[in-house]
Amino acid sequence: MKLLSVNVGRPRPNPWKGLGSTGIDKRPVAGPVAVSAPGPKGTGAVGLAGDRVYDVAHHGGTDQAVYAYAREDLDRWQAELGEPLADGTFGENLTTLGVDVNGALIGERWRVGQDVVLEVSCPRVPCGTFQGWLRQEGWIKRFTRAVLPGAYLRVIEPGEIRADDPVEIAHRPDHDVTVALTFRAVTLEPELLPRLLAADALPEDIRERARRRTGA
């Protein structure tokens, strides 16, 4: 298991969401990239140096510090869409190889390289910017039905990472709430929401949705 690339965004206009800019255009960078906890959502800060988000109400912050997507899943989409998808095309900071990103447990911790520890927090939910960026009609529904969302991660231990760094599962919690299950619960199958309460590491807004579903 390793990083194929570490990707940082280049600001570009965002005509798809009525915002001035978007950071979805992420490109692989050479050399080490500093990783640190960005603090609460609302400032645009994320976990990788040189990167940021512009839809500050919905992206960035502690629970969405780093976004990972598997090269294997990009390859599946590449074959289905019939066009090349370079590392970073989905707006991911980390393009992984050999990591079961969607099967990762909420609260699972990854050691990346020598120093950095990241914690799986929640899935990515597609938005209008993502659909516009890929120029695919009906992309939000298509992406959602595939249940290959990729994972957002928190920064637990800061440091530096670079392409080809190994990824090691440092901790797996004692529950069965995966990234894919969480995505299904918050999109297609709300009846699954109560199951998410087994995962203490979920962001509070998702846990609150799950509590409301149970009537608690």
N, C-alpha and C. Protein backbone atom coordinates (compact mmCIF):
# COMPACT_ATOMS: atom_id res chain seq x y z
N MET A 1 0.85 -1.19 0.00
CA MET A 1 0.00 0.00 0.00
C MET A 1 0.89 1.24 0.00
N LYS A 2 0.57 2.18 -0.89
CA LYS A 2 1.42 3.36 -0.96
C LYS A 2 0.66 4.53 -1.59
N LEU A 3 1.30 5.71 -1.55
CA LEU A 3 0.81 6.87 -2.28
C LEU A 3 1.40 6.85 -3.68
N LEU A 4 0.53 6.94 -4.67
CA LEU A 4 1.03 7.13 -6.03
C LEU A 4 1.40 8.58 -6.26
N SER A 5 0.59 9.49 -5.71
CA SER A 5 0.88 10.91 -5.87
C SER A 5 0.29 11.70 -4.72
N VAL A 6 0.87 12.86 -4.48
CA VAL A 6 0.34 13.85 -3.55
C VAL A 6 -0.05 15.05 -4.41
N ASN A 7 -1.32 15.49 -4.29
CA ASN A 7 -1.88 16.45 -5.24
C ASN A 7 -2.34 17.72 -4.54
N VAL A 8 -1.98 18.84 -5.10
CA VAL A 8 -2.32 20.15 -4.52
C VAL A 8 -3.09 20.95 -5.56
N GLY A 9 -4.08 21.73 -5.10
CA GLY A 9 -4.99 22.43 -6.00
C GLY A 9 -4.42 23.71 -6.59
N ARG A 10 -4.88 23.99 -7.81
CA ARG A 10 -4.61 25.27 -8.46
C ARG A 10 -5.94 26.02 -8.55
N PRO A 11 -6.03 27.22 -8.01
CA PRO A 11 -7.31 27.94 -8.09
C PRO A 11 -7.73 28.17 -9.53
N ARG A 12 -9.01 27.98 -9.78
CA ARG A 12 -9.56 28.25 -11.10
C ARG A 12 -10.99 28.74 -10.93
N PRO A 13 -11.56 29.43 -11.90
CA PRO A 13 -12.93 29.92 -11.76
C PRO A 13 -13.92 28.78 -11.53
N ASN A 14 -14.97 29.08 -10.77
CA ASN A 14 -16.00 28.09 -10.48
C ASN A 14 -17.37 28.61 -10.94
N PRO A 15 -17.70 28.38 -12.22
CA PRO A 15 -19.00 28.83 -12.72
C PRO A 15 -20.14 27.91 -12.32
N TRP A 16 -19.82 26.78 -11.68
CA TRP A 16 -20.82 25.75 -11.42
C TRP A 16 -21.50 25.92 -10.07
N LYS A 17 -20.96 26.74 -9.21
CA LYS A 17 -21.55 26.89 -7.88
C LYS A 17 -21.72 28.35 -7.48
N GLY A 18 -21.50 29.27 -8.39
CA GLY A 18 -21.68 30.67 -8.07
C GLY A 18 -20.62 31.22 -7.14
N LEU A 19 -19.46 30.58 -7.10
CA LEU A 19 -18.34 31.05 -6.29
C LEU A 19 -17.23 31.56 -7.21
N GLY A 20 -16.37 32.40 -6.68
CA GLY A 20 -15.31 32.96 -7.50
C GLY A 20 -14.30 31.94 -7.95
N SER A 21 -13.95 30.98 -7.06
CA SER A 21 -12.88 30.04 -7.36
C SER A 21 -13.22 28.66 -6.81
N THR A 22 -12.49 27.66 -7.30
CA THR A 22 -12.53 26.31 -6.76
C THR A 22 -11.10 25.77 -6.71
N GLY A 23 -10.85 24.86 -5.77
CA GLY A 23 -9.56 24.20 -5.66
C GLY A 23 -9.60 22.77 -6.15
N ILE A 24 -10.62 22.39 -6.96
CA ILE A 24 -10.77 21.00 -7.37
C ILE A 24 -9.69 20.56 -8.36
N ASP A 25 -9.05 21.51 -9.02
CA ASP A 25 -8.04 21.19 -10.02
C ASP A 25 -6.71 20.88 -9.32
N LYS A 26 -6.58 19.62 -8.90
CA LYS A 26 -5.39 19.22 -8.14
C LYS A 26 -4.41 18.48 -9.05
N ARG A 27 -3.13 18.80 -8.87
CA ARG A 27 -2.07 18.22 -9.69
C ARG A 27 -1.00 17.61 -8.79
N PRO A 28 -0.39 16.50 -9.24
CA PRO A 28 0.71 15.91 -8.48
C PRO A 28 1.87 16.89 -8.34
N VAL A 29 2.49 16.87 -7.15
CA VAL A 29 3.64 17.72 -6.90
C VAL A 29 4.86 16.86 -6.58
N ALA A 30 6.02 17.37 -6.94
CA ALA A 30 7.27 16.67 -6.65
C ALA A 30 7.78 17.08 -5.28
N GLY A 31 8.48 16.17 -4.64
CA GLY A 31 9.10 16.48 -3.36
C GLY A 31 8.13 16.39 -2.20
N PRO A 32 8.61 16.68 -1.00
CA PRO A 32 7.79 16.54 0.20
C PRO A 32 6.75 17.66 0.30
N VAL A 33 5.60 17.31 0.92
CA VAL A 33 4.53 18.26 1.19
C VAL A 33 4.24 18.21 2.68
N ALA A 34 4.22 19.36 3.32
CA ALA A 34 3.92 19.43 4.76
C ALA A 34 2.43 19.16 4.99
N VAL A 35 2.14 18.38 6.02
CA VAL A 35 0.77 18.04 6.40
C VAL A 35 0.56 18.47 7.85
N SER A 36 -0.54 19.19 8.11
CA SER A 36 -0.84 19.62 9.47
C SER A 36 -2.34 19.77 9.62
N ALA A 37 -2.82 19.76 10.85
CA ALA A 37 -4.25 19.92 11.12
C ALA A 37 -4.67 21.35 10.80
N PRO A 38 -5.75 21.54 10.02
CA PRO A 38 -6.11 22.89 9.57
C PRO A 38 -6.96 23.69 10.54
N GLY A 39 -7.51 23.04 11.58
CA GLY A 39 -8.43 23.74 12.46
C GLY A 39 -9.85 23.67 11.94
N PRO A 40 -10.78 24.36 12.58
CA PRO A 40 -12.20 24.23 12.24
C PRO A 40 -12.51 24.69 10.82
N LYS A 41 -13.61 24.17 10.29
CA LYS A 41 -14.11 24.58 8.98
C LYS A 41 -14.48 26.07 9.01
N GLY A 42 -14.34 26.72 7.85
CA GLY A 42 -14.78 28.10 7.74
C GLY A 42 -13.71 29.06 7.26
N THR A 43 -12.46 28.60 7.26
CA THR A 43 -11.36 29.48 6.85
C THR A 43 -10.83 29.15 5.46
N GLY A 44 -11.18 27.97 4.94
CA GLY A 44 -10.63 27.50 3.68
C GLY A 44 -9.40 26.64 3.85
N ALA A 45 -8.89 26.53 5.08
CA ALA A 45 -7.67 25.76 5.32
C ALA A 45 -7.94 24.26 5.21
N VAL A 46 -6.93 23.55 4.68
CA VAL A 46 -6.95 22.10 4.59
C VAL A 46 -5.61 21.57 5.11
N GLY A 47 -5.41 20.27 4.99
CA GLY A 47 -4.27 19.66 5.64
C GLY A 47 -2.95 19.76 4.92
N LEU A 48 -2.96 20.00 3.60
CA LEU A 48 -1.73 20.03 2.83
C LEU A 48 -1.27 21.46 2.58
N ALA A 49 -0.01 21.71 2.80
CA ALA A 49 0.56 23.03 2.52
C ALA A 49 0.41 23.36 1.04
N GLY A 50 0.01 24.59 0.76
CA GLY A 50 -0.14 25.03 -0.62
C GLY A 50 -1.50 24.76 -1.22
N ASP A 51 -2.38 24.12 -0.45
CA ASP A 51 -3.73 23.82 -0.94
C ASP A 51 -4.75 24.57 -0.10
N ARG A 52 -5.97 24.73 -0.62
CA ARG A 52 -7.06 25.30 0.15
C ARG A 52 -8.37 25.01 -0.56
N VAL A 53 -9.50 25.28 0.12
CA VAL A 53 -10.82 25.20 -0.49
C VAL A 53 -11.43 26.60 -0.50
N TYR A 54 -12.41 26.78 -1.37
CA TYR A 54 -13.04 28.10 -1.53
C TYR A 54 -14.50 28.09 -1.12
N ASP A 55 -15.15 26.94 -1.15
CA ASP A 55 -16.50 26.81 -0.60
C ASP A 55 -16.33 26.50 0.88
N VAL A 56 -16.06 27.53 1.66
CA VAL A 56 -15.63 27.34 3.04
C VAL A 56 -16.75 26.84 3.94
N ALA A 57 -18.01 27.00 3.51
CA ALA A 57 -19.13 26.52 4.33
C ALA A 57 -19.27 25.01 4.28
N HIS A 58 -18.78 24.39 3.20
CA HIS A 58 -19.03 22.96 3.00
C HIS A 58 -17.76 22.12 2.94
N HIS A 59 -16.61 22.72 2.81
CA HIS A 59 -15.38 21.95 2.63
C HIS A 59 -14.27 22.47 3.54
N GLY A 60 -13.28 21.60 3.75
CA GLY A 60 -12.13 21.96 4.55
C GLY A 60 -12.36 21.78 6.03
N GLY A 61 -11.38 22.16 6.82
CA GLY A 61 -11.46 22.03 8.26
C GLY A 61 -11.01 20.67 8.76
N THR A 62 -11.13 20.48 10.04
CA THR A 62 -10.59 19.30 10.72
C THR A 62 -11.05 17.99 10.12
N ASP A 63 -12.36 17.84 9.88
CA ASP A 63 -12.90 16.55 9.43
C ASP A 63 -12.70 16.30 7.95
N GLN A 64 -12.31 17.32 7.19
CA GLN A 64 -12.08 17.18 5.76
C GLN A 64 -10.70 17.74 5.40
N ALA A 65 -9.73 17.39 6.21
CA ALA A 65 -8.39 17.96 6.03
C ALA A 65 -7.70 17.43 4.78
N VAL A 66 -7.89 16.15 4.50
CA VAL A 66 -7.20 15.47 3.39
C VAL A 66 -8.22 14.55 2.72
N TYR A 67 -8.21 14.51 1.39
CA TYR A 67 -9.12 13.63 0.65
C TYR A 67 -8.31 12.60 -0.12
N ALA A 68 -8.66 11.32 0.06
CA ALA A 68 -7.95 10.22 -0.59
C ALA A 68 -8.87 9.48 -1.55
N TYR A 69 -8.33 9.12 -2.71
CA TYR A 69 -9.07 8.31 -3.67
C TYR A 69 -8.14 7.26 -4.25
N ALA A 70 -8.67 6.06 -4.46
CA ALA A 70 -7.85 4.93 -4.91
C ALA A 70 -7.62 4.99 -6.42
N ARG A 71 -6.39 4.75 -6.84
CA ARG A 71 -6.09 4.67 -8.27
C ARG A 71 -6.91 3.56 -8.94
N GLU A 72 -7.17 2.48 -8.21
CA GLU A 72 -7.97 1.39 -8.77
C GLU A 72 -9.37 1.88 -9.15
N ASP A 73 -9.96 2.76 -8.31
CA ASP A 73 -11.29 3.28 -8.61
C ASP A 73 -11.24 4.30 -9.73
N LEU A 74 -10.18 5.11 -9.78
CA LEU A 74 -10.01 6.01 -10.93
C LEU A 74 -9.91 5.21 -12.23
N ASP A 75 -9.20 4.07 -12.18
CA ASP A 75 -9.07 3.25 -13.39
C ASP A 75 -10.42 2.70 -13.83
N ARG A 76 -11.25 2.32 -12.87
CA ARG A 76 -12.60 1.85 -13.21
C ARG A 76 -13.39 2.96 -13.92
N TRP A 77 -13.35 4.17 -13.36
CA TRP A 77 -14.06 5.28 -13.98
C TRP A 77 -13.45 5.63 -15.34
N GLN A 78 -12.15 5.53 -15.44
CA GLN A 78 -11.47 5.83 -16.69
C GLN A 78 -11.98 4.92 -17.80
N ALA A 79 -12.11 3.62 -17.50
CA ALA A 79 -12.62 2.67 -18.48
C ALA A 79 -14.09 2.95 -18.81
N GLU A 80 -14.87 3.30 -17.80
CA GLU A 80 -16.30 3.53 -18.01
C GLU A 80 -16.56 4.81 -18.79
N LEU A 81 -15.79 5.85 -18.50
CA LEU A 81 -16.00 7.14 -19.16
C LEU A 81 -15.30 7.23 -20.52
N GLY A 82 -14.31 6.35 -20.73
CA GLY A 82 -13.60 6.34 -22.00
C GLY A 82 -12.68 7.52 -22.19
N GLU A 83 -12.15 8.05 -21.10
CA GLU A 83 -11.19 9.15 -21.20
C GLU A 83 -10.19 9.04 -20.07
N PRO A 84 -8.97 9.55 -20.26
CA PRO A 84 -7.95 9.42 -19.22
C PRO A 84 -8.28 10.25 -18.00
N LEU A 85 -7.99 9.70 -16.84
CA LEU A 85 -8.19 10.40 -15.56
C LEU A 85 -6.85 10.39 -14.82
N ALA A 86 -6.16 11.50 -14.89
CA ALA A 86 -4.86 11.60 -14.21
C ALA A 86 -5.05 11.63 -12.70
N ASP A 87 -4.01 11.28 -11.97
CA ASP A 87 -4.04 11.41 -10.52
C ASP A 87 -4.43 12.84 -10.15
N GLY A 88 -5.37 12.99 -9.23
CA GLY A 88 -5.83 14.30 -8.79
C GLY A 88 -7.08 14.78 -9.50
N THR A 89 -7.52 14.09 -10.56
CA THR A 89 -8.66 14.56 -11.35
C THR A 89 -9.93 14.68 -10.53
N PHE A 90 -10.11 13.80 -9.55
CA PHE A 90 -11.31 13.85 -8.72
C PHE A 90 -11.18 14.85 -7.57
N GLY A 91 -10.11 15.63 -7.60
CA GLY A 91 -9.89 16.60 -6.54
C GLY A 91 -9.27 16.00 -5.30
N GLU A 92 -8.71 14.79 -5.46
CA GLU A 92 -8.12 14.14 -4.28
C GLU A 92 -6.71 14.64 -4.01
N ASN A 93 -6.40 14.75 -2.72
CA ASN A 93 -5.04 15.11 -2.30
C ASN A 93 -4.09 13.93 -2.39
N LEU A 94 -4.61 12.74 -2.10
CA LEU A 94 -3.79 11.52 -2.10
C LEU A 94 -4.39 10.53 -3.08
N THR A 95 -3.63 10.14 -4.08
CA THR A 95 -4.02 9.04 -4.95
C THR A 95 -3.27 7.81 -4.45
N THR A 96 -4.02 6.80 -4.01
CA THR A 96 -3.42 5.65 -3.36
C THR A 96 -3.38 4.45 -4.29
N LEU A 97 -2.53 3.49 -3.94
CA LEU A 97 -2.47 2.21 -4.64
C LEU A 97 -2.45 1.10 -3.60
N GLY A 98 -3.37 0.15 -3.73
CA GLY A 98 -3.42 -0.98 -2.82
C GLY A 98 -4.13 -0.73 -1.52
N VAL A 99 -4.73 0.45 -1.36
CA VAL A 99 -5.45 0.81 -0.13
C VAL A 99 -6.96 0.65 -0.39
N ASP A 100 -7.65 -0.06 0.48
CA ASP A 100 -9.11 -0.21 0.35
C ASP A 100 -9.77 1.02 0.96
N VAL A 101 -9.78 2.09 0.19
CA VAL A 101 -10.24 3.38 0.71
C VAL A 101 -11.71 3.33 1.11
N ASN A 102 -12.56 2.77 0.26
CA ASN A 102 -13.99 2.74 0.55
C ASN A 102 -14.38 1.68 1.58
N GLY A 103 -13.52 0.69 1.74
CA GLY A 103 -13.74 -0.31 2.78
C GLY A 103 -13.11 0.05 4.11
N ALA A 104 -12.43 1.20 4.17
CA ALA A 104 -11.81 1.63 5.42
C ALA A 104 -12.88 1.93 6.46
N LEU A 105 -12.57 1.64 7.71
CA LEU A 105 -13.49 1.91 8.81
C LEU A 105 -13.38 3.36 9.25
N ILE A 106 -14.51 3.95 9.62
CA ILE A 106 -14.48 5.28 10.22
C ILE A 106 -13.68 5.21 11.52
N GLY A 107 -12.70 6.08 11.64
CA GLY A 107 -11.80 6.04 12.80
C GLY A 107 -10.55 5.22 12.57
N GLU A 108 -10.45 4.55 11.43
CA GLU A 108 -9.23 3.83 11.08
C GLU A 108 -8.09 4.83 10.90
N ARG A 109 -6.90 4.45 11.34
CA ARG A 109 -5.76 5.36 11.22
C ARG A 109 -4.70 4.79 10.30
N TRP A 110 -4.21 5.67 9.43
CA TRP A 110 -3.17 5.30 8.47
C TRP A 110 -1.88 6.03 8.82
N ARG A 111 -0.80 5.29 8.87
CA ARG A 111 0.51 5.93 8.94
C ARG A 111 1.04 6.06 7.51
N VAL A 112 1.36 7.28 7.14
CA VAL A 112 1.82 7.57 5.79
C VAL A 112 3.26 8.08 5.87
N GLY A 113 4.18 7.36 5.25
CA GLY A 113 5.58 7.71 5.39
C GLY A 113 6.05 7.48 6.81
N GLN A 114 7.01 8.26 7.26
CA GLN A 114 7.60 8.04 8.58
C GLN A 114 6.82 8.71 9.70
N ASP A 115 6.21 9.86 9.44
CA ASP A 115 5.71 10.69 10.53
C ASP A 115 4.20 10.87 10.57
N VAL A 116 3.56 10.94 9.43
CA VAL A 116 2.18 11.41 9.37
C VAL A 116 1.19 10.29 9.73
N VAL A 117 0.23 10.61 10.59
CA VAL A 117 -0.88 9.72 10.89
C VAL A 117 -2.18 10.43 10.55
N LEU A 118 -3.00 9.78 9.73
CA LEU A 118 -4.29 10.31 9.31
C LEU A 118 -5.40 9.40 9.81
N GLU A 119 -6.57 9.97 10.08
CA GLU A 119 -7.71 9.20 10.58
C GLU A 119 -8.89 9.35 9.63
N VAL A 120 -9.47 8.23 9.21
CA VAL A 120 -10.62 8.24 8.32
C VAL A 120 -11.82 8.84 9.05
N SER A 121 -12.43 9.87 8.44
CA SER A 121 -13.54 10.55 9.12
C SER A 121 -14.89 10.36 8.45
N CYS A 122 -14.95 10.42 7.12
CA CYS A 122 -16.24 10.35 6.43
C CYS A 122 -16.02 10.25 4.93
N PRO A 123 -17.05 9.91 4.16
CA PRO A 123 -16.93 9.88 2.71
C PRO A 123 -17.10 11.26 2.08
N ARG A 124 -16.66 11.38 0.86
CA ARG A 124 -16.93 12.57 0.06
C ARG A 124 -18.33 12.44 -0.54
N VAL A 125 -19.11 13.51 -0.49
CA VAL A 125 -20.42 13.56 -1.12
C VAL A 125 -20.30 14.49 -2.32
N PRO A 126 -20.69 14.05 -3.51
CA PRO A 126 -20.47 14.85 -4.72
C PRO A 126 -21.32 16.10 -4.75
N CYS A 127 -20.80 17.13 -5.44
CA CYS A 127 -21.49 18.41 -5.52
C CYS A 127 -21.46 18.92 -6.96
N GLY A 128 -22.08 20.06 -7.18
CA GLY A 128 -22.18 20.62 -8.51
C GLY A 128 -20.84 20.98 -9.12
N THR A 129 -19.90 21.39 -8.28
CA THR A 129 -18.56 21.71 -8.80
C THR A 129 -17.91 20.47 -9.40
N PHE A 130 -18.04 19.34 -8.72
CA PHE A 130 -17.46 18.07 -9.19
C PHE A 130 -18.08 17.70 -10.54
N GLN A 131 -19.39 17.81 -10.66
CA GLN A 131 -20.07 17.48 -11.91
C GLN A 131 -19.63 18.40 -13.04
N GLY A 132 -19.57 19.70 -12.76
CA GLY A 132 -19.15 20.64 -13.79
C GLY A 132 -17.71 20.45 -14.21
N TRP A 133 -16.86 20.15 -13.25
CA TRP A 133 -15.43 19.95 -13.52
C TRP A 133 -15.21 18.78 -14.47
N LEU A 134 -15.98 17.68 -14.27
CA LEU A 134 -15.81 16.50 -15.11
C LEU A 134 -16.58 16.59 -16.43
N ARG A 135 -17.48 17.60 -16.55
CA ARG A 135 -18.25 17.78 -17.78
C ARG A 135 -19.07 16.54 -18.11
N GLN A 136 -19.69 15.96 -17.08
CA GLN A 136 -20.49 14.76 -17.26
C GLN A 136 -21.92 15.02 -16.82
N GLU A 137 -22.85 14.97 -17.76
CA GLU A 137 -24.27 15.13 -17.44
C GLU A 137 -24.71 14.03 -16.49
N GLY A 138 -25.42 14.41 -15.42
CA GLY A 138 -25.92 13.42 -14.47
C GLY A 138 -24.84 12.77 -13.61
N TRP A 139 -23.67 13.43 -13.51
CA TRP A 139 -22.54 12.82 -12.81
C TRP A 139 -22.82 12.59 -11.33
N ILE A 140 -23.52 13.52 -10.68
CA ILE A 140 -23.76 13.35 -9.24
C ILE A 140 -24.51 12.05 -8.98
N LYS A 141 -25.56 11.78 -9.74
CA LYS A 141 -26.31 10.53 -9.54
C LYS A 141 -25.47 9.32 -9.90
N ARG A 142 -24.71 9.41 -10.95
CA ARG A 142 -23.88 8.29 -11.38
C ARG A 142 -22.81 7.95 -10.36
N PHE A 143 -22.14 8.97 -9.87
CA PHE A 143 -21.11 8.78 -8.86
C PHE A 143 -21.72 8.21 -7.58
N THR A 144 -22.89 8.71 -7.21
CA THR A 144 -23.54 8.24 -5.99
C THR A 144 -23.93 6.78 -6.10
N ARG A 145 -24.50 6.38 -7.21
CA ARG A 145 -24.93 4.98 -7.38
C ARG A 145 -23.75 4.01 -7.32
N ALA A 146 -22.57 4.45 -7.74
CA ALA A 146 -21.40 3.56 -7.75
C ALA A 146 -20.87 3.26 -6.36
N VAL A 147 -21.15 4.10 -5.38
CA VAL A 147 -20.68 3.94 -3.99
C VAL A 147 -19.16 3.75 -3.96
N LEU A 148 -18.47 4.65 -4.64
CA LEU A 148 -17.00 4.70 -4.60
C LEU A 148 -16.60 6.13 -4.27
N PRO A 149 -16.94 6.60 -3.06
CA PRO A 149 -16.81 8.03 -2.78
C PRO A 149 -15.41 8.52 -2.45
N GLY A 150 -14.52 7.62 -2.02
CA GLY A 150 -13.26 8.08 -1.45
C GLY A 150 -13.47 8.57 -0.03
N ALA A 151 -12.37 8.84 0.66
CA ALA A 151 -12.44 9.13 2.09
C ALA A 151 -11.78 10.46 2.44
N TYR A 152 -12.46 11.21 3.32
CA TYR A 152 -11.84 12.35 3.98
C TYR A 152 -11.12 11.85 5.23
N LEU A 153 -10.02 12.53 5.55
CA LEU A 153 -9.19 12.14 6.69
C LEU A 153 -8.83 13.35 7.54
N ARG A 154 -8.72 13.11 8.84
CA ARG A 154 -8.19 14.11 9.77
C ARG A 154 -6.68 13.92 9.91
N VAL A 155 -6.00 14.97 10.31
CA VAL A 155 -4.57 14.89 10.59
C VAL A 155 -4.39 14.67 12.09
N ILE A 156 -3.87 13.52 12.46
CA ILE A 156 -3.63 13.19 13.87
C ILE A 156 -2.19 13.53 14.26
N GLU A 157 -1.25 13.17 13.41
CA GLU A 157 0.16 13.50 13.64
C GLU A 157 0.70 14.17 12.38
N PRO A 158 1.21 15.41 12.48
CA PRO A 158 1.69 16.13 11.31
C PRO A 158 3.06 15.64 10.86
N GLY A 159 3.46 16.14 9.72
CA GLY A 159 4.78 15.80 9.19
C GLY A 159 4.84 16.08 7.71
N GLU A 160 5.64 15.31 6.99
CA GLU A 160 5.76 15.47 5.54
C GLU A 160 5.46 14.16 4.84
N ILE A 161 4.86 14.27 3.65
CA ILE A 161 4.61 13.10 2.82
C ILE A 161 5.05 13.41 1.40
N ARG A 162 5.21 12.34 0.63
CA ARG A 162 5.58 12.49 -0.77
C ARG A 162 5.13 11.26 -1.54
N ALA A 163 5.12 11.36 -2.86
CA ALA A 163 4.78 10.21 -3.70
C ALA A 163 5.68 9.02 -3.36
N ASP A 164 5.10 7.84 -3.42
CA ASP A 164 5.76 6.56 -3.14
C ASP A 164 5.91 6.26 -1.65
N ASP A 165 5.45 7.16 -0.78
CA ASP A 165 5.47 6.83 0.64
C ASP A 165 4.57 5.62 0.91
N PRO A 166 5.00 4.73 1.80
CA PRO A 166 4.14 3.60 2.17
C PRO A 166 2.97 4.06 3.02
N VAL A 167 1.87 3.33 2.92
CA VAL A 167 0.70 3.53 3.76
C VAL A 167 0.49 2.27 4.59
N GLU A 168 0.40 2.44 5.89
CA GLU A 168 0.22 1.32 6.80
C GLU A 168 -1.01 1.56 7.66
N ILE A 169 -1.82 0.53 7.85
CA ILE A 169 -2.97 0.64 8.75
C ILE A 169 -2.45 0.53 10.18
N ALA A 170 -2.48 1.64 10.90
CA ALA A 170 -1.93 1.68 12.25
C ALA A 170 -2.96 1.29 13.31
N HIS A 171 -4.25 1.46 13.00
CA HIS A 171 -5.31 1.16 13.98
C HIS A 171 -6.61 0.93 13.24
N ARG A 172 -7.35 -0.11 13.65
CA ARG A 172 -8.68 -0.36 13.11
C ARG A 172 -9.64 -0.47 14.29
N PRO A 173 -10.67 0.38 14.34
CA PRO A 173 -11.62 0.33 15.47
C PRO A 173 -12.50 -0.91 15.44
N ASP A 174 -13.15 -1.16 16.55
CA ASP A 174 -13.95 -2.37 16.72
C ASP A 174 -15.42 -2.11 16.37
N HIS A 175 -15.67 -1.84 15.09
CA HIS A 175 -17.04 -1.73 14.59
C HIS A 175 -16.99 -2.02 13.09
N ASP A 176 -18.14 -1.99 12.42
CA ASP A 176 -18.19 -2.35 11.00
C ASP A 176 -18.63 -1.19 10.11
N VAL A 177 -18.49 0.04 10.59
CA VAL A 177 -18.96 1.21 9.84
C VAL A 177 -17.86 1.67 8.89
N THR A 178 -18.02 1.34 7.62
CA THR A 178 -17.03 1.69 6.61
C THR A 178 -17.37 3.02 5.95
N VAL A 179 -16.43 3.51 5.16
CA VAL A 179 -16.68 4.70 4.34
C VAL A 179 -17.85 4.46 3.41
N ALA A 180 -17.89 3.29 2.76
CA ALA A 180 -18.96 2.99 1.81
C ALA A 180 -20.32 2.90 2.51
N LEU A 181 -20.37 2.26 3.67
CA LEU A 181 -21.63 2.17 4.41
C LEU A 181 -22.12 3.57 4.81
N THR A 182 -21.22 4.40 5.27
CA THR A 182 -21.59 5.76 5.66
C THR A 182 -22.14 6.52 4.46
N PHE A 183 -21.50 6.38 3.32
CA PHE A 183 -21.96 7.05 2.11
C PHE A 183 -23.36 6.59 1.73
N ARG A 184 -23.59 5.29 1.76
CA ARG A 184 -24.93 4.77 1.44
C ARG A 184 -25.97 5.35 2.40
N ALA A 185 -25.61 5.45 3.67
CA ALA A 185 -26.57 5.93 4.68
C ALA A 185 -26.93 7.39 4.47
N VAL A 186 -25.95 8.22 4.08
CA VAL A 186 -26.22 9.65 3.97
C VAL A 186 -26.74 10.05 2.58
N THR A 187 -26.78 9.08 1.65
CA THR A 187 -27.26 9.40 0.30
C THR A 187 -28.45 8.54 -0.09
N LEU A 188 -28.24 7.27 -0.35
CA LEU A 188 -29.25 6.41 -0.96
C LEU A 188 -30.13 5.65 0.03
N GLU A 189 -29.60 5.35 1.21
CA GLU A 189 -30.29 4.43 2.12
C GLU A 189 -30.34 5.00 3.54
N PRO A 190 -31.16 6.01 3.79
CA PRO A 190 -31.18 6.62 5.12
C PRO A 190 -31.59 5.66 6.23
N GLU A 191 -32.22 4.55 5.87
CA GLU A 191 -32.55 3.57 6.90
C GLU A 191 -31.31 2.98 7.56
N LEU A 192 -30.15 3.16 6.94
CA LEU A 192 -28.90 2.67 7.53
C LEU A 192 -28.30 3.64 8.55
N LEU A 193 -28.84 4.84 8.65
CA LEU A 193 -28.24 5.86 9.52
C LEU A 193 -28.02 5.39 10.96
N PRO A 194 -28.97 4.70 11.60
CA PRO A 194 -28.72 4.29 12.99
C PRO A 194 -27.47 3.44 13.16
N ARG A 195 -27.07 2.68 12.14
CA ARG A 195 -25.88 1.85 12.26
C ARG A 195 -24.61 2.68 12.42
N LEU A 196 -24.67 3.93 11.95
CA LEU A 196 -23.47 4.77 11.99
C LEU A 196 -23.08 5.17 13.41
N LEU A 197 -24.01 5.10 14.34
CA LEU A 197 -23.72 5.54 15.71
C LEU A 197 -22.68 4.68 16.40
N ALA A 198 -22.36 3.53 15.83
CA ALA A 198 -21.29 2.69 16.39
C ALA A 198 -19.92 3.31 16.18
N ALA A 199 -19.83 4.30 15.27
CA ALA A 199 -18.54 4.90 14.93
C ALA A 199 -18.39 6.25 15.62
N ASP A 200 -17.68 6.27 16.73
CA ASP A 200 -17.51 7.51 17.50
C ASP A 200 -16.74 8.58 16.72
N ALA A 201 -15.93 8.17 15.75
CA ALA A 201 -15.07 9.12 15.04
C ALA A 201 -15.78 9.84 13.90
N LEU A 202 -17.06 9.54 13.66
CA LEU A 202 -17.79 10.27 12.62
C LEU A 202 -17.90 11.75 12.97
N PRO A 203 -17.90 12.64 11.98
CA PRO A 203 -18.18 14.05 12.26
C PRO A 203 -19.52 14.22 12.96
N GLU A 204 -19.61 15.23 13.80
CA GLU A 204 -20.79 15.41 14.63
C GLU A 204 -22.05 15.65 13.81
N ASP A 205 -21.96 16.31 12.66
CA ASP A 205 -23.17 16.56 11.88
C ASP A 205 -23.78 15.26 11.36
N ILE A 206 -22.94 14.28 11.01
CA ILE A 206 -23.48 13.00 10.55
C ILE A 206 -24.03 12.21 11.72
N ARG A 207 -23.36 12.25 12.86
CA ARG A 207 -23.88 11.56 14.04
C ARG A 207 -25.23 12.15 14.46
N GLU A 208 -25.39 13.46 14.32
CA GLU A 208 -26.67 14.07 14.67
C GLU A 208 -27.77 13.60 13.72
N ARG A 209 -27.48 13.46 12.45
CA ARG A 209 -28.46 12.91 11.52
C ARG A 209 -28.86 11.50 11.92
N ALA A 210 -27.88 10.71 12.33
CA ALA A 210 -28.17 9.35 12.74
C ALA A 210 -29.02 9.32 14.01
N ARG A 211 -28.72 10.22 14.95
CA ARG A 211 -29.53 10.27 16.18
C ARG A 211 -30.97 10.67 15.87
N ARG A 212 -31.14 11.64 14.97
CA ARG A 212 -32.49 12.05 14.60
C ARG A 212 -33.27 10.89 13.98
N ARG A 213 -32.58 10.07 13.21
CA ARG A 213 -33.25 8.93 12.58
C ARG A 213 -33.76 7.93 13.61
N THR A 214 -33.01 7.81 14.70
CA THR A 214 -33.44 6.87 15.75
C THR A 214 -34.48 7.48 16.68
N GLY A 215 -34.70 8.79 16.55
CA GLY A 215 -35.65 9.47 17.43
C GLY A 215 -35.05 9.82 18.79
N ALA A 216 -33.71 9.63 18.91
CA ALA A 216 -33.06 9.91 20.20
C ALA A 216 -32.84 11.40 20.37
